[in-house]
Structures are given as structure tokens and as C-alpha cells.
Amino acid sequence: MKLPIFIFGEQKLSIRSVPSFIALALLNLINNSLKHGFDNTGNGKITLTVEKGAKNGAKITYKDDGKGMDKTVLKQVFTPFFTTRKDRGYVGVGMSTTHDLIKNKLGGDIKIESQVGKGTTVIITLP
């Protein structure tokens, strides 16, 4: 399976943070794209853009061109143990963990925009 991931943004951006928390959050996003957005086929594209944020922080914009989410799913996406694929054995902790890491551990913010058939965009801001 080949999945193109395109990375754009600041060449030299430095913030004080916990790299492993950021890595886990991004890994969870990629896993969600693979499992839900691309139905485990790898047929899609992910774009990651990193920019300087407010007050010397960072803004990370993650986009996939997968199948997207409807409004009902979007409202519950950060709820622990919510999954649309219990039939595949998924337990629904990836996005709630990502939310906890960004908001509570790193003091940042995370927002998701999505439309069915148009993919998903996740915007993470870090102090």
C-alpha cells in the first residue's frame, strides 16, 4: 500500500513542547485516515502543513481526501469509545486520545472540519 503524504511549511520552526505527544497525535490522525477515510485501501492523499502560530506557537493543518464524515459523526468524534466501525473491532479511542493530548497535555486546541465525499481537515494549534 502506497499512501502519498505531502508536508509543507516552515523550514525552521521551534516550539517548546513534548515531541512524542505531537507524534502520537499525528499517528492517530493518519490511522484514522487509513481506517475510516480510505477504508484500509491506502487510496488517498494526506497533506500536512506546519506554520508559525500566534505567540511563537505552531499551527498544524492535517488534511486527507478520504470519504469524510457527516455532521452526526463529526459531533461525536472526540467522544471516548465512539467508533463507526465496531464491526471491524475498532474501539474508538484514537481521536479522544488525540483531543486529550492536544488540549490537556499540550495546552493547545484542535478543531475538525469534514464533509462527506470531500475529506477531513484537522487544525491543531500549539502554544
N, C-alpha and C. Protein backbone atom coordinates (compact mmCIF):
# COMPACT_ATOMS: atom_id res chain seq x y z
N MET A 1 0.85 -1.17 0.00
CA MET A 1 0.00 0.00 0.00
C MET A 1 0.90 1.23 0.00
N LYS A 2 0.68 2.12 -0.96
CA LYS A 2 1.42 3.37 -1.02
C LYS A 2 0.44 4.51 -0.74
N LEU A 3 0.78 5.32 0.23
CA LEU A 3 -0.06 6.46 0.58
C LEU A 3 0.79 7.71 0.48
N PRO A 4 0.47 8.60 -0.44
CA PRO A 4 1.27 9.83 -0.51
C PRO A 4 0.95 10.77 0.66
N ILE A 5 1.99 11.21 1.32
CA ILE A 5 1.86 12.22 2.38
C ILE A 5 2.75 13.39 1.97
N PHE A 6 2.13 14.56 1.84
CA PHE A 6 2.84 15.77 1.43
C PHE A 6 2.99 16.66 2.65
N ILE A 7 4.21 17.16 2.88
CA ILE A 7 4.48 18.00 4.04
C ILE A 7 4.98 19.36 3.55
N PHE A 8 4.34 20.43 4.05
CA PHE A 8 4.68 21.79 3.67
C PHE A 8 4.85 22.63 4.93
N GLY A 9 5.49 23.78 4.77
CA GLY A 9 5.51 24.72 5.87
C GLY A 9 6.88 25.25 6.22
N GLU A 10 6.93 25.77 7.42
CA GLU A 10 8.12 26.42 7.95
C GLU A 10 9.30 25.46 7.98
N GLN A 11 10.42 25.89 7.47
CA GLN A 11 11.62 25.07 7.50
C GLN A 11 12.28 25.08 8.87
N LYS A 12 12.20 26.22 9.55
CA LYS A 12 12.80 26.34 10.88
C LYS A 12 11.77 26.93 11.83
N LEU A 13 11.08 26.04 12.51
CA LEU A 13 10.07 26.45 13.47
C LEU A 13 10.39 25.71 14.76
N SER A 14 10.53 26.46 15.83
CA SER A 14 10.89 25.86 17.11
C SER A 14 9.85 26.24 18.16
N ILE A 15 9.32 25.23 18.85
CA ILE A 15 8.40 25.47 19.96
C ILE A 15 8.85 24.59 21.13
N ARG A 16 8.44 24.97 22.32
CA ARG A 16 8.72 24.15 23.50
C ARG A 16 7.51 23.24 23.70
N SER A 17 7.70 21.95 23.52
CA SER A 17 6.59 21.03 23.60
C SER A 17 7.10 19.63 23.93
N VAL A 18 6.23 18.66 23.80
CA VAL A 18 6.58 17.27 24.02
C VAL A 18 6.46 16.55 22.68
N PRO A 19 7.58 16.31 22.00
CA PRO A 19 7.53 15.73 20.65
C PRO A 19 6.76 14.41 20.56
N SER A 20 6.87 13.56 21.57
CA SER A 20 6.19 12.27 21.49
C SER A 20 4.68 12.42 21.52
N PHE A 21 4.16 13.45 22.21
CA PHE A 21 2.72 13.70 22.23
C PHE A 21 2.26 14.16 20.84
N ILE A 22 3.03 15.03 20.22
CA ILE A 22 2.69 15.51 18.87
C ILE A 22 2.75 14.34 17.88
N ALA A 23 3.77 13.52 18.00
CA ALA A 23 3.91 12.35 17.11
C ALA A 23 2.73 11.40 17.27
N LEU A 24 2.31 11.14 18.49
CA LEU A 24 1.18 10.24 18.73
C LEU A 24 -0.11 10.83 18.16
N ALA A 25 -0.30 12.13 18.33
CA ALA A 25 -1.50 12.77 17.78
C ALA A 25 -1.52 12.62 16.25
N LEU A 26 -0.38 12.87 15.60
CA LEU A 26 -0.32 12.75 14.14
C LEU A 26 -0.50 11.29 13.71
N LEU A 27 0.08 10.37 14.44
CA LEU A 27 -0.10 8.96 14.13
C LEU A 27 -1.57 8.56 14.21
N ASN A 28 -2.27 9.05 15.23
CA ASN A 28 -3.69 8.76 15.36
C ASN A 28 -4.48 9.33 14.18
N LEU A 29 -4.12 10.53 13.73
CA LEU A 29 -4.81 11.11 12.58
C LEU A 29 -4.58 10.28 11.32
N ILE A 30 -3.33 9.87 11.11
CA ILE A 30 -3.02 9.04 9.94
C ILE A 30 -3.77 7.71 10.01
N ASN A 31 -3.78 7.08 11.18
CA ASN A 31 -4.52 5.82 11.34
C ASN A 31 -6.00 6.01 11.04
N ASN A 32 -6.58 7.11 11.50
CA ASN A 32 -8.00 7.36 11.22
C ASN A 32 -8.24 7.55 9.73
N SER A 33 -7.33 8.26 9.07
CA SER A 33 -7.48 8.43 7.62
C SER A 33 -7.43 7.07 6.93
N LEU A 34 -6.46 6.26 7.30
CA LEU A 34 -6.32 4.94 6.67
C LEU A 34 -7.54 4.06 6.92
N LYS A 35 -7.94 3.96 8.18
CA LYS A 35 -9.01 3.05 8.55
C LYS A 35 -10.39 3.53 8.11
N HIS A 36 -10.67 4.79 8.33
CA HIS A 36 -12.02 5.31 8.08
C HIS A 36 -12.13 6.08 6.77
N GLY A 37 -11.22 6.99 6.54
CA GLY A 37 -11.30 7.82 5.34
C GLY A 37 -11.01 7.07 4.06
N PHE A 38 -10.07 6.12 4.13
CA PHE A 38 -9.67 5.38 2.93
C PHE A 38 -10.07 3.91 3.00
N ASP A 39 -10.84 3.52 4.02
CA ASP A 39 -11.31 2.14 4.19
C ASP A 39 -10.19 1.10 4.06
N ASN A 40 -9.06 1.38 4.66
CA ASN A 40 -7.91 0.47 4.67
C ASN A 40 -7.35 0.16 3.28
N THR A 41 -7.66 0.98 2.28
CA THR A 41 -7.15 0.73 0.93
C THR A 41 -5.87 1.49 0.64
N GLY A 42 -5.63 2.58 1.35
CA GLY A 42 -4.46 3.41 1.09
C GLY A 42 -4.65 4.31 -0.12
N ASN A 43 -5.84 4.27 -0.70
CA ASN A 43 -6.13 5.10 -1.86
C ASN A 43 -6.57 6.49 -1.42
N GLY A 44 -5.63 7.37 -1.29
CA GLY A 44 -5.94 8.73 -0.87
C GLY A 44 -4.67 9.52 -0.74
N LYS A 45 -4.84 10.76 -0.27
CA LYS A 45 -3.71 11.67 -0.12
C LYS A 45 -3.85 12.39 1.21
N ILE A 46 -2.73 12.56 1.89
CA ILE A 46 -2.68 13.32 3.14
C ILE A 46 -1.73 14.48 2.94
N THR A 47 -2.14 15.65 3.41
CA THR A 47 -1.30 16.84 3.36
C THR A 47 -1.15 17.38 4.77
N LEU A 48 0.09 17.67 5.14
CA LEU A 48 0.41 18.23 6.45
C LEU A 48 1.12 19.55 6.24
N THR A 49 0.58 20.61 6.83
CA THR A 49 1.19 21.93 6.72
C THR A 49 1.47 22.45 8.12
N VAL A 50 2.70 22.91 8.33
CA VAL A 50 3.09 23.45 9.63
C VAL A 50 3.47 24.92 9.44
N GLU A 51 2.84 25.78 10.23
CA GLU A 51 3.08 27.22 10.13
C GLU A 51 3.35 27.80 11.51
N LYS A 52 3.94 28.98 11.52
CA LYS A 52 4.12 29.70 12.77
C LYS A 52 2.73 30.14 13.24
N GLY A 53 2.46 29.90 14.50
CA GLY A 53 1.18 30.28 15.08
C GLY A 53 1.30 31.54 15.91
N ALA A 54 0.23 31.84 16.62
CA ALA A 54 0.21 33.01 17.49
C ALA A 54 1.19 32.84 18.64
N LYS A 55 1.76 33.92 19.08
CA LYS A 55 2.66 33.94 20.24
C LYS A 55 3.77 32.90 20.15
N ASN A 56 4.40 32.80 19.00
CA ASN A 56 5.51 31.87 18.76
C ASN A 56 5.13 30.40 18.87
N GLY A 57 3.85 30.11 18.71
CA GLY A 57 3.39 28.73 18.72
C GLY A 57 3.42 28.15 17.31
N ALA A 58 2.67 27.08 17.13
CA ALA A 58 2.62 26.42 15.82
C ALA A 58 1.17 26.11 15.46
N LYS A 59 0.91 26.14 14.17
CA LYS A 59 -0.38 25.73 13.63
C LYS A 59 -0.12 24.58 12.66
N ILE A 60 -0.72 23.44 12.96
CA ILE A 60 -0.57 22.25 12.13
C ILE A 60 -1.92 21.98 11.46
N THR A 61 -1.91 21.95 10.13
CA THR A 61 -3.13 21.65 9.40
C THR A 61 -2.95 20.30 8.71
N TYR A 62 -3.81 19.37 9.06
CA TYR A 62 -3.77 18.00 8.54
C TYR A 62 -5.01 17.82 7.66
N LYS A 63 -4.81 17.39 6.42
CA LYS A 63 -5.93 17.19 5.51
C LYS A 63 -5.81 15.83 4.85
N ASP A 64 -6.97 15.17 4.71
CA ASP A 64 -7.00 13.99 3.87
C ASP A 64 -8.13 14.17 2.85
N ASP A 65 -8.05 13.42 1.77
CA ASP A 65 -9.09 13.49 0.74
C ASP A 65 -9.95 12.23 0.76
N GLY A 66 -10.15 11.71 1.98
CA GLY A 66 -10.96 10.50 2.15
C GLY A 66 -12.44 10.77 2.02
N LYS A 67 -13.22 9.83 2.54
CA LYS A 67 -14.68 9.91 2.35
C LYS A 67 -15.37 10.93 3.25
N GLY A 68 -14.68 11.46 4.24
CA GLY A 68 -15.25 12.50 5.10
C GLY A 68 -16.26 11.95 6.10
N MET A 69 -16.77 12.86 6.94
CA MET A 69 -17.72 12.50 7.98
C MET A 69 -18.96 13.36 7.87
N ASP A 70 -20.11 12.78 8.23
CA ASP A 70 -21.32 13.58 8.28
C ASP A 70 -21.37 14.33 9.62
N LYS A 71 -22.34 15.21 9.76
CA LYS A 71 -22.43 16.07 10.95
C LYS A 71 -22.64 15.27 12.24
N THR A 72 -23.37 14.17 12.16
CA THR A 72 -23.61 13.35 13.35
C THR A 72 -22.31 12.75 13.87
N VAL A 73 -21.50 12.20 12.97
CA VAL A 73 -20.22 11.62 13.36
C VAL A 73 -19.27 12.72 13.86
N LEU A 74 -19.25 13.82 13.15
CA LEU A 74 -18.36 14.93 13.49
C LEU A 74 -18.60 15.43 14.92
N LYS A 75 -19.86 15.45 15.36
CA LYS A 75 -20.19 15.91 16.71
C LYS A 75 -19.66 14.96 17.79
N GLN A 76 -19.46 13.69 17.45
CA GLN A 76 -19.06 12.69 18.44
C GLN A 76 -17.61 12.24 18.32
N VAL A 77 -16.89 12.78 17.35
CA VAL A 77 -15.57 12.25 17.00
C VAL A 77 -14.58 12.23 18.17
N PHE A 78 -14.70 13.16 19.12
CA PHE A 78 -13.78 13.19 20.25
C PHE A 78 -14.30 12.44 21.48
N THR A 79 -15.47 11.84 21.38
CA THR A 79 -16.06 11.11 22.49
C THR A 79 -15.33 9.78 22.69
N PRO A 80 -14.84 9.52 23.91
CA PRO A 80 -14.15 8.25 24.14
C PRO A 80 -15.05 7.05 23.80
N PHE A 81 -14.48 6.08 23.11
CA PHE A 81 -15.11 4.82 22.71
C PHE A 81 -16.17 4.98 21.63
N PHE A 82 -16.25 6.16 21.01
CA PHE A 82 -17.14 6.30 19.86
C PHE A 82 -16.40 5.83 18.61
N THR A 83 -17.02 4.93 17.87
CA THR A 83 -16.48 4.48 16.60
C THR A 83 -17.62 4.18 15.64
N THR A 84 -17.35 4.34 14.38
CA THR A 84 -18.33 3.98 13.37
C THR A 84 -18.08 2.56 12.86
N ARG A 85 -17.02 1.93 13.36
CA ARG A 85 -16.63 0.62 12.84
C ARG A 85 -16.42 -0.42 13.93
N LYS A 86 -17.39 -0.57 14.82
CA LYS A 86 -17.30 -1.64 15.83
C LYS A 86 -17.25 -3.01 15.15
N ASP A 87 -17.85 -3.10 13.95
CA ASP A 87 -17.86 -4.36 13.22
C ASP A 87 -16.45 -4.82 12.83
N ARG A 88 -15.51 -3.90 12.78
CA ARG A 88 -14.12 -4.24 12.48
C ARG A 88 -13.28 -4.40 13.75
N GLY A 89 -13.90 -4.22 14.90
CA GLY A 89 -13.19 -4.37 16.16
C GLY A 89 -12.52 -3.10 16.66
N TYR A 90 -12.81 -1.97 16.02
CA TYR A 90 -12.22 -0.71 16.47
C TYR A 90 -12.91 -0.28 17.76
N VAL A 91 -12.13 0.32 18.68
CA VAL A 91 -12.68 0.66 19.99
C VAL A 91 -12.98 2.14 20.18
N GLY A 92 -12.50 3.00 19.31
CA GLY A 92 -12.87 4.41 19.38
C GLY A 92 -12.09 5.22 20.40
N VAL A 93 -10.79 4.99 20.51
CA VAL A 93 -10.00 5.78 21.46
C VAL A 93 -8.99 6.70 20.78
N GLY A 94 -8.77 6.55 19.50
CA GLY A 94 -7.75 7.34 18.81
C GLY A 94 -8.00 8.84 18.84
N MET A 95 -9.19 9.25 18.46
CA MET A 95 -9.47 10.69 18.40
C MET A 95 -9.69 11.29 19.79
N SER A 96 -10.24 10.53 20.72
CA SER A 96 -10.38 11.07 22.08
C SER A 96 -9.00 11.22 22.72
N THR A 97 -8.10 10.29 22.45
CA THR A 97 -6.72 10.40 22.94
C THR A 97 -6.03 11.60 22.32
N THR A 98 -6.21 11.78 21.03
CA THR A 98 -5.62 12.93 20.33
C THR A 98 -6.13 14.24 20.92
N HIS A 99 -7.41 14.32 21.17
CA HIS A 99 -8.01 15.51 21.79
C HIS A 99 -7.40 15.78 23.16
N ASP A 100 -7.29 14.72 23.97
CA ASP A 100 -6.70 14.86 25.31
C ASP A 100 -5.25 15.32 25.23
N LEU A 101 -4.47 14.74 24.34
CA LEU A 101 -3.07 15.14 24.19
C LEU A 101 -2.93 16.61 23.84
N ILE A 102 -3.68 17.03 22.83
CA ILE A 102 -3.55 18.41 22.35
C ILE A 102 -4.10 19.40 23.36
N LYS A 103 -5.30 19.18 23.86
CA LYS A 103 -5.95 20.15 24.76
C LYS A 103 -5.37 20.12 26.18
N ASN A 104 -5.29 18.93 26.76
CA ASN A 104 -4.96 18.83 28.18
C ASN A 104 -3.47 18.67 28.48
N LYS A 105 -2.77 17.95 27.66
CA LYS A 105 -1.35 17.73 27.91
C LYS A 105 -0.47 18.84 27.32
N LEU A 106 -0.83 19.32 26.12
CA LEU A 106 -0.01 20.33 25.45
C LEU A 106 -0.58 21.75 25.54
N GLY A 107 -1.79 21.90 26.06
CA GLY A 107 -2.40 23.22 26.21
C GLY A 107 -2.75 23.89 24.89
N GLY A 108 -2.99 23.08 23.87
CA GLY A 108 -3.33 23.60 22.56
C GLY A 108 -4.81 23.50 22.27
N ASP A 109 -5.13 23.54 20.98
CA ASP A 109 -6.52 23.44 20.54
C ASP A 109 -6.57 22.56 19.31
N ILE A 110 -7.69 21.88 19.13
CA ILE A 110 -7.89 21.03 17.96
C ILE A 110 -9.31 21.19 17.45
N LYS A 111 -9.43 21.36 16.14
CA LYS A 111 -10.75 21.52 15.50
C LYS A 111 -10.78 20.63 14.27
N ILE A 112 -11.97 20.11 13.97
CA ILE A 112 -12.12 19.25 12.79
C ILE A 112 -13.23 19.80 11.91
N GLU A 113 -12.94 19.82 10.61
CA GLU A 113 -13.94 20.17 9.61
C GLU A 113 -14.01 18.99 8.65
N SER A 114 -15.20 18.61 8.25
CA SER A 114 -15.33 17.48 7.34
C SER A 114 -16.65 17.54 6.60
N GLN A 115 -16.64 17.02 5.38
CA GLN A 115 -17.85 16.88 4.59
C GLN A 115 -17.79 15.53 3.91
N VAL A 116 -18.92 14.86 3.85
CA VAL A 116 -18.99 13.57 3.19
C VAL A 116 -18.55 13.73 1.73
N GLY A 117 -17.63 12.88 1.33
CA GLY A 117 -17.14 12.89 -0.04
C GLY A 117 -16.06 13.92 -0.33
N LYS A 118 -15.72 14.74 0.68
CA LYS A 118 -14.73 15.80 0.45
C LYS A 118 -13.54 15.73 1.39
N GLY A 119 -13.48 14.74 2.26
CA GLY A 119 -12.34 14.60 3.14
C GLY A 119 -12.49 15.31 4.46
N THR A 120 -11.40 15.33 5.20
CA THR A 120 -11.38 15.88 6.56
C THR A 120 -10.17 16.76 6.76
N THR A 121 -10.37 17.86 7.48
CA THR A 121 -9.28 18.76 7.84
C THR A 121 -9.25 18.89 9.36
N VAL A 122 -8.07 18.71 9.92
CA VAL A 122 -7.88 18.86 11.37
C VAL A 122 -6.88 20.00 11.56
N ILE A 123 -7.26 20.98 12.38
CA ILE A 123 -6.39 22.12 12.66
C ILE A 123 -5.98 22.05 14.12
N ILE A 124 -4.67 21.94 14.33
CA ILE A 124 -4.11 21.88 15.68
C ILE A 124 -3.30 23.14 15.90
N THR A 125 -3.56 23.83 17.00
CA THR A 125 -2.75 24.97 17.37
C THR A 125 -2.05 24.64 18.68
N LEU A 126 -0.76 24.94 18.71
CA LEU A 126 0.04 24.66 19.90
C LEU A 126 0.69 25.95 20.39
N PRO A 127 0.77 26.10 21.72
CA PRO A 127 1.39 27.31 22.25
C PRO A 127 2.90 27.33 22.02
